[in-house]
PDB file of N, CA and C in Angstrom:
ATOM      1  N   LEU A   1     163.039 117.303 101.560  1.00  0.00           N
ATOM      2  CA  LEU A   1     162.208 117.850 102.076  1.00  0.00           C
ATOM      3  C   LEU A   1     160.945 116.959 100.730  1.00  0.00           C
ATOM      4  N   GLU A   2     160.385 116.690 101.813  1.00  0.00           N
ATOM      5  CA  GLU A   2     158.695 116.141 101.354  1.00  0.00           C
ATOM      6  C   GLU A   2     157.609 116.733 101.361  1.00  0.00           C
ATOM      7  N   GLY A   3     157.205 117.193 100.758  1.00  0.00           N
ATOM      8  CA  GLY A   3     155.742 117.694 100.654  1.00  0.00           C
ATOM      9  C   GLY A   3     154.172 117.040  99.999  1.00  0.00           C
ATOM     10  N   ALA A   4     153.398 117.975  99.743  1.00  0.00           N
ATOM     11  CA  ALA A   4     152.325 117.985  98.737  1.00  0.00           C
ATOM     12  C   ALA A   4     152.396 116.900  97.197  1.00  0.00           C
ATOM     13  N   SER A   5     153.528 117.837  96.904  1.00  0.00           N
ATOM     14  CA  SER A   5     154.126 117.894  95.376  1.00  0.00           C
ATOM     15  C   SER A   5     155.132 116.347  95.484  1.00  0.00           C
ATOM     16  N   GLY A   6     155.311 116.030  96.473  1.00  0.00           N
ATOM     17  CA  GLY A   6     155.975 114.795  96.280  1.00  0.00           C
ATOM     18  C   GLY A   6     157.931 115.277  96.883  1.00  0.00           C
ATOM     19  N   PRO A   7     158.390 114.346  96.829  1.00  0.00           N
ATOM     20  CA  PRO A   7     159.802 114.428  97.414  1.00  0.00           C
ATOM     21  C   PRO A   7     160.837 115.225  96.484  1.00  0.00           C
ATOM     22  N   VAL A   8     161.472 116.325  97.415  1.00  0.00           N
ATOM     23  CA  VAL A   8     162.341 117.152  96.501  1.00  0.00           C
ATOM     24  C   VAL A   8     164.076 116.986  97.284  1.00  0.00           C
ATOM     25  N   THR A   9     164.930 117.110  96.629  1.00  0.00           N
ATOM     26  CA  THR A   9     166.004 116.349  96.911  1.00  0.00           C
ATOM     27  C   THR A   9     167.106 117.274  96.875  1.00  0.00           C
ATOM     28  N   ASP A  10     168.228 117.516  97.350  1.00  0.00           N
ATOM     29  CA  ASP A  10     169.686 118.361  97.025  1.00  0.00           C
ATOM     30  C   ASP A  10     170.839 116.996  97.120  1.00  0.00           C
ATOM     31  N   GLY A  11     170.490 116.584  96.586  1.00  0.00           N
ATOM     32  CA  GLY A  11     171.364 115.675  96.832  1.00  0.00           C
ATOM     33  C   GLY A  11     172.310 115.125  95.310  1.00  0.00           C
ATOM     34  N   GLN A  12     173.129 116.023  95.327  1.00  0.00           N
ATOM     35  CA  GLN A  12     173.796 115.508  94.111  1.00  0.00           C
ATOM     36  C   GLN A  12     175.078 115.834  94.506  1.00  0.00           C
ATOM     37  N   LEU A  13     176.145 115.260  92.712  1.00  0.00           N
ATOM     38  CA  LEU A  13     177.084 115.089  92.830  1.00  0.00           C
ATOM     39  C   LEU A  13     178.220 116.758  92.275  1.00  0.00           C
ATOM     40  N   SER A  14     177.309 117.848  92.996  1.00  0.00           N
ATOM     41  CA  SER A  14     177.900 118.954  92.721  1.00  0.00           C
ATOM     42  C   SER A  14     178.498 119.962  93.635  1.00  0.00           C
ATOM     43  N   GLY A  15     178.869 120.999  93.421  1.00  0.00           N
ATOM     44  CA  GLY A  15     179.024 121.635  94.818  1.00  0.00           C
ATOM     45  C   GLY A  15     180.107 121.376  95.913  1.00  0.00           C
ATOM     46  N   ASP A  16     180.016 121.140  96.629  1.00  0.00           N
ATOM     47  CA  ASP A  16     180.089 120.149  98.238  1.00  0.00           C
ATOM     48  C   ASP A  16     180.686 118.528  97.717  1.00  0.00           C
ATOM     49  N   GLY A  17     179.857 118.197  96.739  1.00  0.00           N
ATOM     50  CA  GLY A  17     180.150 117.168  96.691  1.00  0.00           C
ATOM     51  C   GLY A  17     181.118 116.162  95.540  1.00  0.00           C
ATOM     52  N   ARG A  18     181.546 117.420  94.459  1.00  0.00           N
ATOM     53  CA  ARG A  18     182.946 117.559  94.018  1.00  0.00           C
ATOM     54  C   ARG A  18     184.037 117.551  94.995  1.00  0.00           C
ATOM     55  N   TYR A  19     184.175 117.991  95.339  1.00  0.00           N
ATOM     56  CA  TYR A  19     185.206 118.839  96.781  1.00  0.00           C
ATOM     57  C   TYR A  19     185.200 117.485  97.186  1.00  0.00           C
ATOM     58  N   THR A  20     184.181 117.091  98.538  1.00  0.00           N
ATOM     59  CA  THR A  20     184.687 115.472  98.895  1.00  0.00           C
ATOM     60  C   THR A  20     184.684 114.351  98.114  1.00  0.00           C
ATOM     61  N   ALA A  21     184.354 114.092  97.035  1.00  0.00           N
ATOM     62  CA  ALA A  21     184.545 113.091  96.087  1.00  0.00           C
ATOM     63  C   ALA A  21     186.336 113.209  95.800  1.00  0.00           C
ATOM     64  N   LEU A  22     186.458 114.677  95.521  1.00  0.00           N
ATOM     65  CA  LEU A  22     188.237 114.205  94.972  1.00  0.00           C
ATOM     66  C   LEU A  22     188.934 114.628  96.287  1.00  0.00           C
ATOM     67  N   LEU A  23     188.527 114.551  97.621  1.00  0.00           N
ATOM     68  CA  LEU A  23     189.097 114.738  98.675  1.00  0.00           C
ATOM     69  C   LEU A  23     189.666 113.215  99.144  1.00  0.00           C
ATOM     70  N   ALA A  24     188.419 112.648  98.878  1.00  0.00           N
ATOM     71  CA  ALA A  24     187.939 110.741  99.083  1.00  0.00           C
ATOM     72  C   ALA A  24     188.923 110.388  98.212  1.00  0.00           C
ATOM     73  N   LEU A  25     189.200 110.516  96.990  1.00  0.00           N
ATOM     74  CA  LEU A  25     190.014 110.161  96.023  1.00  0.00           C
ATOM     75  C   LEU A  25     191.410 110.023  96.181  1.00  0.00           C
ATOM     76  N   ALA A  26     191.493 111.287  96.673  1.00  0.00           N
ATOM     77  CA  ALA A  26     193.180 111.820  97.029  1.00  0.00           C
ATOM     78  C   ALA A  26     193.266 110.782  97.638  1.00  0.00           C
ATOM     79  N   VAL A  27     192.872 110.707  99.477  1.00  0.00           N
ATOM     80  CA  VAL A  27     192.720 110.126 100.471  1.00  0.00           C
ATOM     81  C   VAL A  27     193.569 108.609  99.964  1.00  0.00           C
ATOM     82  N   ILE A  28     192.783 108.115  99.100  1.00  0.00           N
ATOM     83  CA  ILE A  28     192.398 106.669  98.627  1.00  0.00           C
ATOM     84  C   ILE A  28     194.309 106.771  98.518  1.00  0.00           C
ATOM     85  N   GLY A  29     194.585 107.500  96.964  1.00  0.00           N
ATOM     86  CA  GLY A  29     195.185 107.993  96.292  1.00  0.00           C
ATOM     87  C   GLY A  29     196.848 107.814  97.728  1.00  0.00           C
ATOM     88  N   CYS A  30     197.327 108.581  98.326  1.00  0.00           N
ATOM     89  CA  CYS A  30     197.557 108.605  99.390  1.00  0.00           C
ATOM     90  C   CYS A  30     198.280 106.936 100.597  1.00  0.00           C
ATOM     91  N   ALA A  31     196.719 106.794 100.563  1.00  0.00           N
ATOM     92  CA  ALA A  31     196.911 105.682 101.213  1.00  0.00           C
ATOM     93  C   ALA A  31     197.963 104.324 100.471  1.00  0.00           C
ATOM     94  N   ALA A  32     197.481 104.027  99.209  1.00  0.00           N
ATOM     95  CA  ALA A  32     197.739 102.898  98.261  1.00  0.00           C
ATOM     96  C   ALA A  32     199.394 103.551  97.829  1.00  0.00           C
ATOM     97  N   TRP A  33     199.587 105.353  98.294  1.00  0.00           N
ATOM     98  CA  TRP A  33     201.093 105.697  97.496  1.00  0.00           C
ATOM     99  C   TRP A  33     201.906 105.040  98.791  1.00  0.00           C
ATOM    100  N   TYR A  34     201.360 105.277 100.327  1.00  0.00           N
ATOM    101  CA  TYR A  34     201.909 104.704 101.546  1.00  0.00           C
ATOM    102  C   TYR A  34     201.735 103.236 101.729  1.00  0.00           C
ATOM    103  N   TYR A  35     201.289 102.911 100.489  1.00  0.00           N
ATOM    104  CA  TYR A  35     201.429 100.786 101.110  1.00  0.00           C
ATOM    105  C   TYR A  35     202.175 100.253 100.076  1.00  0.00           C
ATOM    106  N   ALA A  36     202.607 101.132  98.742  1.00  0.00           N
ATOM    107  CA  ALA A  36     203.427 100.891  98.260  1.00  0.00           C
ATOM    108  C   ALA A  36     204.955 100.932  98.683  1.00  0.00           C
ATOM    109  N   ARG A  37     205.186 102.470  98.710  1.00  0.00           N
ATOM    110  CA  ARG A  37     206.066 103.074  99.428  1.00  0.00           C
ATOM    111  C   ARG A  37     205.698 103.648 100.788  1.00  0.00           C
ATOM    112  N   PRO A  38     205.941 102.879 102.268  1.00  0.00           N
ATOM    113  CA  PRO A  38     205.775 103.226 102.840  1.00  0.00           C
ATOM    114  C   PRO A  38     207.263 104.665 103.529  1.00  0.00           C
ATOM    115  N   HIS A  39     206.821 105.522 103.193  1.00  0.00           N
ATOM    116  CA  HIS A  39     208.256 106.815 103.341  1.00  0.00           C
ATOM    117  C   HIS A  39     206.691 108.044 104.210  1.00  0.00           C
ATOM    118  N   ASP A  40     208.052 108.754 104.879  1.00  0.00           N
ATOM    119  CA  ASP A  40     206.799 109.544 105.556  1.00  0.00           C
ATOM    120  C   ASP A  40     206.431 110.802 104.507  1.00  0.00           C
ATOM    121  N   ARG A  41     206.832 111.126 104.103  1.00  0.00           N
ATOM    122  CA  ARG A  41     205.468 112.240 102.806  1.00  0.00           C
ATOM    123  C   ARG A  41     204.357 111.797 102.880  1.00  0.00           C
ATOM    124  N   ALA A  42     204.287 110.301 102.139  1.00  0.00           N
ATOM    125  CA  ALA A  42     203.335 109.572 101.754  1.00  0.00           C
ATOM    126  C   ALA A  42     202.140 110.050 102.827  1.00  0.00           C
ATOM    127  N   ALA A  43     202.670 109.910 103.887  1.00  0.00           N
ATOM    128  CA  ALA A  43     201.416 109.940 105.665  1.00  0.00           C
ATOM    129  C   ALA A  43     201.772 111.039 106.063  1.00  0.00           C
ATOM    130  N   ARG A  44     201.778 111.393 105.662  1.00  0.00           N
ATOM    131  CA  ARG A  44     202.075 113.466 105.997  1.00  0.00           C
ATOM    132  C   ARG A  44     200.942 113.974 105.031  1.00  0.00           C
ATOM    133  N   VAL A  45     200.905 113.880 103.961  1.00  0.00           N
ATOM    134  CA  VAL A  45     200.160 114.423 102.528  1.00  0.00           C
ATOM    135  C   VAL A  45     198.969 113.977 102.931  1.00  0.00           C
ATOM    136  N   GLY A  46     198.741 112.738 103.139  1.00  0.00           N
ATOM    137  CA  GLY A  46     197.345 111.812 102.943  1.00  0.00           C
ATOM    138  C   GLY A  46     196.306 112.172 104.602  1.00  0.00           C
ATOM    139  N   ALA A  47     197.466 112.578 105.785  1.00  0.00           N
ATOM    140  CA  ALA A  47     196.828 113.067 107.057  1.00  0.00           C
ATOM    141  C   ALA A  47     196.566 114.722 106.459  1.00  0.00           C
ATOM    142  N   ALA A  48     197.120 115.699 105.424  1.00  0.00           N
ATOM    143  CA  ALA A  48     196.816 116.944 105.462  1.00  0.00           C
ATOM    144  C   ALA A  48     195.291 116.891 105.047  1.00  0.00           C
ATOM    145  N   LEU A  49     195.449 115.920 102.868  1.00  0.00           N
ATOM    146  CA  LEU A  49     194.067 115.525 102.454  1.00  0.00           C
ATOM    147  C   LEU A  49     193.028 115.007 103.452  1.00  0.00           C
ATOM    148  N   ALA A  50     193.584 114.070 104.528  1.00  0.00           N
ATOM    149  CA  ALA A  50     192.599 113.319 105.748  1.00  0.00           C
ATOM    150  C   ALA A  50     191.799 114.427 106.067  1.00  0.00           C
ATOM    151  N   GLY A  51     192.728 115.371 106.899  1.00  0.00           N
ATOM    152  CA  GLY A  51     191.965 116.914 107.595  1.00  0.00           C
ATOM    153  C   GLY A  51     191.370 117.454 106.805  1.00  0.00           C
ATOM    154  N   ALA A  52     191.457 117.928 105.513  1.00  0.00           N
ATOM    155  CA  ALA A  52     190.844 118.889 104.968  1.00  0.00           C
ATOM    156  C   ALA A  52     189.638 118.202 104.721  1.00  0.00           C
ATOM    157  N   LEU A  53     189.411 116.707 104.263  1.00  0.00           N
ATOM    158  CA  LEU A  53     188.319 115.997 103.657  1.00  0.00           C
ATOM    159  C   LEU A  53     187.577 115.665 105.088  1.00  0.00           C
ATOM    160  N   LEU A  54     187.975 115.890 106.395  1.00  0.00           N
ATOM    161  CA  LEU A  54     186.870 116.167 107.506  1.00  0.00           C
ATOM    162  C   LEU A  54     186.828 117.322 107.715  1.00  0.00           C
ATOM    163  N   LEU A  55     187.265 118.102 107.373  1.00  0.00           N
ATOM    164  CA  LEU A  55     186.773 119.879 107.622  1.00  0.00           C
ATOM    165  C   LEU A  55     185.889 120.319 106.878  1.00  0.00           C
ATOM    166  N   LEU A  56     185.615 119.641 106.052  1.00  0.00           N
ATOM    167  CA  LEU A  56     184.834 120.288 104.604  1.00  0.00           C
ATOM    168  C   LEU A  56     183.242 119.280 104.871  1.00  0.00           C
ATOM    169  N   ALA A  57     183.872 117.935 105.623  1.00  0.00           N
ATOM    170  CA  ALA A  57     182.566 117.254 105.818  1.00  0.00           C
ATOM    171  C   ALA A  57     181.307 117.959 106.955  1.00  0.00           C
ATOM    172  N   ILE A  58     182.599 118.050 108.135  1.00  0.00           N
ATOM    173  CA  ILE A  58     181.898 119.129 109.160  1.00  0.00           C
ATOM    174  C   ILE A  58     181.333 120.131 108.916  1.00  0.00           C
ATOM    175  N   VAL A  59     181.817 120.899 107.777  1.00  0.00           N
ATOM    176  CA  VAL A  59     181.354 121.875 107.700  1.00  0.00           C
ATOM    177  C   VAL A  59     179.893 122.030 106.965  1.00  0.00           C
ATOM    178  N   ASP A  60     179.785 120.896 105.816  1.00  0.00           N
ATOM    179  CA  ASP A  60     178.741 120.240 104.963  1.00  0.00           C
ATOM    180  C   ASP A  60     177.651 120.253 105.672  1.00  0.00           C
ATOM    181  N   TRP A  61     178.295 119.083 106.899  1.00  0.00           N
ATOM    182  CA  TRP A  61     176.763 118.460 107.816  1.00  0.00           C
ATOM    183  C   TRP A  61     175.918 119.794 108.689  1.00  0.00           C
ATOM    184  N   ASN A  62     177.234 121.098 108.942  1.00  0.00           N
ATOM    185  CA  ASN A  62     176.402 122.040 109.324  1.00  0.00           C
ATOM    186  C   ASN A  62     175.656 122.548 108.754  1.00  0.00           C
ATOM    187  N   THR A  63     175.697 122.694 107.270  1.00  0.00           N
ATOM    188  CA  THR A  63     175.275 123.438 106.361  1.00  0.00           C
ATOM    189  C   THR A  63     173.924 123.192 106.026  1.00  0.00           C
ATOM    190  N   VAL A  64     174.390 121.566 106.039  1.00  0.00           N
ATOM    191  CA  VAL A  64     173.031 120.625 105.758  1.00  0.00           C
ATOM    192  C   VAL A  64     171.742 121.146 106.715  1.00  0.00           C
ATOM    193  N   SER A  65     172.311 120.599 107.736  1.00  0.00           N
ATOM    194  CA  SER A  65     171.439 120.774 109.142  1.00  0.00           C
ATOM    195  C   SER A  65     170.799 121.808 109.097  1.00  0.00           C
ATOM    196  N   ASP A  66     171.510 123.019 109.075  1.00  0.00           N
ATOM    197  CA  ASP A  66     171.175 124.089 109.169  1.00  0.00           C
ATOM    198  C   ASP A  66     169.699 124.834 107.866  1.00  0.00           C
ATOM    199  N   ASP A  67     170.387 124.072 106.997  1.00  0.00           N
ATOM    200  CA  ASP A  67     169.118 123.998 105.857  1.00  0.00           C
ATOM    201  C   ASP A  67     167.831 123.330 105.966  1.00  0.00           C
ATOM    202  N   VAL A  68     167.719 122.215 106.207  1.00  0.00           N
ATOM    203  CA  VAL A  68     167.124 120.980 107.156  1.00  0.00           C
ATOM    204  C   VAL A  68     166.206 122.312 108.395  1.00  0.00           C
ATOM    205  N   GLU A  69     166.767 122.264 109.150  1.00  0.00           N
ATOM    206  CA  GLU A  69     166.023 123.288 110.275  1.00  0.00           C
ATOM    207  C   GLU A  69     165.043 124.345 109.584  1.00  0.00           C
ATOM    208  N   SER A  70     165.846 125.507 108.662  1.00  0.00           N
ATOM    209  CA  SER A  70     165.077 126.493 108.634  1.00  0.00           C
ATOM    210  C   SER A  70     164.139 125.797 107.380  1.00  0.00           C
ATOM    211  N   ALA A  71     164.007 124.555 106.678  1.00  0.00           N
ATOM    212  CA  ALA A  71     163.213 124.263 105.811  1.00  0.00           C
ATOM    213  C   ALA A  71     161.790 123.966 106.284  1.00  0.00           C
ATOM    214  N   ASN A  72     161.999 123.507 107.451  1.00  0.00           N
ATOM    215  CA  ASN A  72     161.459 122.441 108.618  1.00  0.00           C
ATOM    216  C   ASN A  72     160.118 123.833 109.423  1.00  0.00           C
ATOM    217  N   HIS A  73     160.922 125.085 109.711  1.00  0.00           N
ATOM    218  CA  HIS A  73     160.531 126.113 110.138  1.00  0.00           C
ATOM    219  C   HIS A  73     159.285 126.687 109.614  1.00  0.00           C
ATOM    220  N   ASP A  74     160.404 126.805 108.407  1.00  0.00           N
ATOM    221  CA  ASP A  74     159.386 127.616 107.205  1.00  0.00           C
ATOM    222  C   ASP A  74     158.191 126.693 106.542  1.00  0.00           C
ATOM    223  N   ALA A  75     158.664 125.522 106.545  1.00  0.00           N
ATOM    224  CA  ALA A  75     157.433 124.758 106.113  1.00  0.00           C
ATOM    225  C   ALA A  75     156.048 124.658 106.790  1.00  0.00           C
ATOM    226  N   GLY A  76     156.503 124.284 108.175  1.00  0.00           N
ATOM    227  CA  GLY A  76     155.304 124.324 109.347  1.00  0.00           C
ATOM    228  C   GLY A  76     154.593 122.982 109.037  1.00  0.00           C
ATOM    229  N   LEU A  77     153.200 122.714 108.743  1.00  0.00           N
ATOM    230  CA  LEU A  77     153.053 121.324 108.992  1.00  0.00           C
ATOM    231  C   LEU A  77     152.488 120.762 107.428  1.00  0.00           C
ATOM    232  N   PHE A  78     153.104 121.705 106.215  1.00  0.00           N
ATOM    233  CA  PHE A  78     153.133 121.366 105.261  1.00  0.00           C
ATOM    234  C   PHE A  78     153.660 120.484 104.147  1.00  0.00           C
ATOM    235  N   ALA A  79     155.142 120.050 105.061  1.00  0.00           N
ATOM    236  CA  ALA A  79     156.129 119.693 104.472  1.00  0.00           C
ATOM    237  C   ALA A  79     156.893 119.097 105.679  1.00  0.00           C
ATOM    238  N   HIS A  80     158.372 118.431 105.430  1.00  0.00           N
ATOM    239  CA  HIS A  80     158.862 117.782 106.079  1.00  0.00           C
ATOM    240  C   HIS A  80     160.457 117.592 105.624  1.00  0.00           C
ATOM    241  N   ALA A  81     161.193 118.187 106.373  1.00  0.00           N
ATOM    242  CA  ALA A  81     162.623 117.531 105.929  1.00  0.00           C
ATOM    243  C   ALA A  81     163.789 117.386 106.659  1.00  0.00           C
ATOM    244  N   GLY A  82     164.465 116.665 106.114  1.00  0.00           N
ATOM    245  CA  GLY A  82     165.323 115.623 107.041  1.00  0.00           C
ATOM    246  C   GLY A  82     166.678 115.581 106.144  1.00  0.00           C
ATOM    247  N   VAL A  83     167.371 115.628 106.969  1.00  0.00           N
ATOM    248  CA  VAL A  83     168.918 114.613 106.354  1.00  0.00           C
ATOM    249  C   VAL A  83     168.550 113.327 106.198  1.00  0.00           C
ATOM    250  N   ARG A  84     169.389 112.774 105.019  1.00  0.00           N
ATOM    251  CA  ARG A  84     169.521 111.841 104.580  1.00  0.00           C
ATOM    252  C   ARG A  84     170.842 111.105 104.718  1.00  0.00           C
ATOM    253  N   PRO A  85     171.314 109.693 104.704  1.00  0.00           N
ATOM    254  CA  PRO A  85     172.113 109.068 105.507  1.00  0.00           C
ATOM    255  C   PRO A  85     173.360 109.510 104.227  1.00  0.00           C
ATOM    256  N   GLY A  86     173.269 109.513 103.154  1.00  0.00           N
ATOM    257  CA  GLY A  86     174.662 110.405 102.603  1.00  0.00           C
ATOM    258  C   GLY A  86     175.472 110.939 103.096  1.00  0.00           C
ATOM    259  N   VAL A  87     175.060 111.970 103.868  1.00  0.00           N
ATOM    260  CA  VAL A  87     175.939 112.961 104.934  1.00  0.00           C
ATOM    261  C   VAL A  87     176.448 112.490 105.803  1.00  0.00           C
ATOM    262  N   TRP A  88     175.836 111.431 106.628  1.00  0.00           N
ATOM    263  CA  TRP A  88     176.120 111.060 108.081  1.00  0.00           C
ATOM    264  C   TRP A  88     177.567 109.622 107.599  1.00  0.00           C
ATOM    265  N   VAL A  89     177.544 109.425 106.332  1.00  0.00           N
ATOM    266  CA  VAL A  89     178.268 108.215 105.562  1.00  0.00           C
ATOM    267  C   VAL A  89     179.459 109.122 105.360  1.00  0.00           C
ATOM    268  N   LEU A  90     179.466 110.418 104.766  1.00  0.00           N
ATOM    269  CA  LEU A  90     180.361 111.443 104.661  1.00  0.00           C
ATOM    270  C   LEU A  90     181.116 111.552 105.699  1.00  0.00           C
ATOM    271  N   LEU A  91     180.186 112.379 106.539  1.00  0.00           N
ATOM    272  CA  LEU A  91     181.159 112.176 108.186  1.00  0.00           C
ATOM    273  C   LEU A  91     181.541 111.169 108.652  1.00  0.00           C
ATOM    274  N   ALA A  92     181.227 109.982 108.589  1.00  0.00           N
ATOM    275  CA  ALA A  92     181.603 108.435 109.316  1.00  0.00           C
ATOM    276  C   ALA A  92     183.001 108.391 108.427  1.00  0.00           C
ATOM    277  N   GLY A  93     182.634 108.453 106.759  1.00  0.00           N
ATOM    278  CA  GLY A  93     184.544 108.012 106.081  1.00  0.00           C
ATOM    279  C   GLY A  93     185.220 108.946 106.388  1.00  0.00           C
ATOM    280  N   ALA A  94     185.063 110.302 106.473  1.00  0.00           N
ATOM    281  CA  ALA A  94     185.962 111.203 106.587  1.00  0.00           C
ATOM    282  C   ALA A  94     186.977 111.168 108.664  1.00  0.00           C
ATOM    283  N   VAL A  95     185.507 110.787 109.592  1.00  0.00           N
ATOM    284  CA  VAL A  95     186.522 110.379 110.928  1.00  0.00           C
ATOM    285  C   VAL A  95     187.130 109.433 110.673  1.00  0.00           C
ATOM    286  N   ALA A  96     186.618 108.536 109.954  1.00  0.00           N
ATOM    287  CA  ALA A  96     187.875 107.163 109.522  1.00  0.00           C
ATOM    288  C   ALA A  96     188.911 107.515 108.627  1.00  0.00           C
ATOM    289  N   ALA A  97     188.735 108.025 107.808  1.00  0.00           N
ATOM    290  CA  ALA A  97     189.908 108.746 107.152  1.00  0.00           C
ATOM    291  C   ALA A  97     190.798 109.365 107.963  1.00  0.00           C
ATOM    292  N   ALA A  98     190.448 109.985 108.608  1.00  0.00           N
ATOM    293  CA  ALA A  98     191.331 110.741 109.709  1.00  0.00           C
ATOM    294  C   ALA A  98     191.959 110.355 110.753  1.00  0.00           C
ATOM    295  N   ALA A  99     190.855 109.151 111.255  1.00  0.00           N
ATOM    296  CA  ALA A  99     191.853 108.129 112.391  1.00  0.00           C
ATOM    297  C   ALA A  99     192.765 107.547 111.777  1.00  0.00           C
ATOM    298  N   GLY A 100     192.200 106.856 110.419  1.00  0.00           N
ATOM    299  CA  GLY A 100     193.713 105.914 109.861  1.00  0.00           C
ATOM    300  C   GLY A 100     195.158 107.326 109.409  1.00  0.00           C
ATOM    301  N   ALA A 101     194.884 108.280 109.459  1.00  0.00           N
ATOM    302  CA  ALA A 101     196.271 108.872 108.920  1.00  0.00           C
ATOM    303  C   ALA A 101     196.592 109.702 109.997  1.00  0.00           C
ATOM    304  N   VAL A 102     195.941 109.565 111.104  1.00  0.00           N
ATOM    305  CA  VAL A 102     196.873 110.355 112.468  1.00  0.00           C
ATOM    306  C   VAL A 102     197.426 108.272 112.742  1.00  0.00           C
ATOM    307  N   TRP A 103     196.566 107.329 113.050  1.00  0.00           N
ATOM    308  CA  TRP A 103     197.579 106.406 113.233  1.00  0.00           C
ATOM    309  C   TRP A 103     198.698 106.134 112.158  1.00  0.00           C
ATOM    310  N   THR A 104     198.727 106.332 111.103  1.00  0.00           N
ATOM    311  CA  THR A 104     199.690 105.931 110.485  1.00  0.00           C
ATOM    312  C   THR A 104     200.485 106.807 110.062  1.00  0.00           C
ATOM    313  N   LEU A 105     200.814 108.314 110.594  1.00  0.00           N
ATOM    314  CA  LEU A 105     201.764 108.985 111.066  1.00  0.00           C
ATOM    315  C   LEU A 105     202.582 108.666 112.635  1.00  0.00           C
ATOM    316  N   ARG A 106     201.580 108.048 113.170  1.00  0.00           N
ATOM    317  CA  ARG A 106     202.315 107.446 114.532  1.00  0.00           C
ATOM    318  C   ARG A 106     203.264 105.721 114.472  1.00  0.00           C
ATOM    319  N   VAL A 107     203.002 105.146 113.549  1.00  0.00           N
ATOM    320  CA  VAL A 107     203.524 103.830 112.680  1.00  0.00           C
ATOM    321  C   VAL A 107     205.435 103.831 113.076  1.00  0.00           C
ATOM    322  N   ASP A 108     205.213 103.067 113.432  1.00  0.00           N
ATOM    323  CA  ASP A 108     207.051 103.147 113.525  1.00  0.00           C
ATOM    324  C   ASP A 108     207.458 102.347 111.841  1.00  0.00           C
ATOM    325  N   ARG A 109     207.952 103.638 111.376  1.00  0.00           N
ATOM    326  CA  ARG A 109     208.674 102.771 110.043  1.00  0.00           C
ATOM    327  C   ARG A 109     210.000 102.405 110.230  1.00  0.00           C
TER     328      ARG A 109
END
């Protein structure tokens, strides 16, 4: 949110950021687990975690978009809020992780 007093940001590693960071690390861990031992269990756990990450990213994106719309409506001409690239990177990464997990499940072992 940029106003007369300068920029105000809500981008931190708290709340949803912690959950998405932990899920992303868990998905990376499952990928390493699958790479070390390509078993069905590693692929299924990775797919479940990637699905949870994608769901959380979509919910987070919707929440941020609603907050930005409300802030712009409330502020009128005095400020302007916008969604920064971090939310888009989170969403793109979650989609890539989910697609990779689905592909891994379908690979012949």
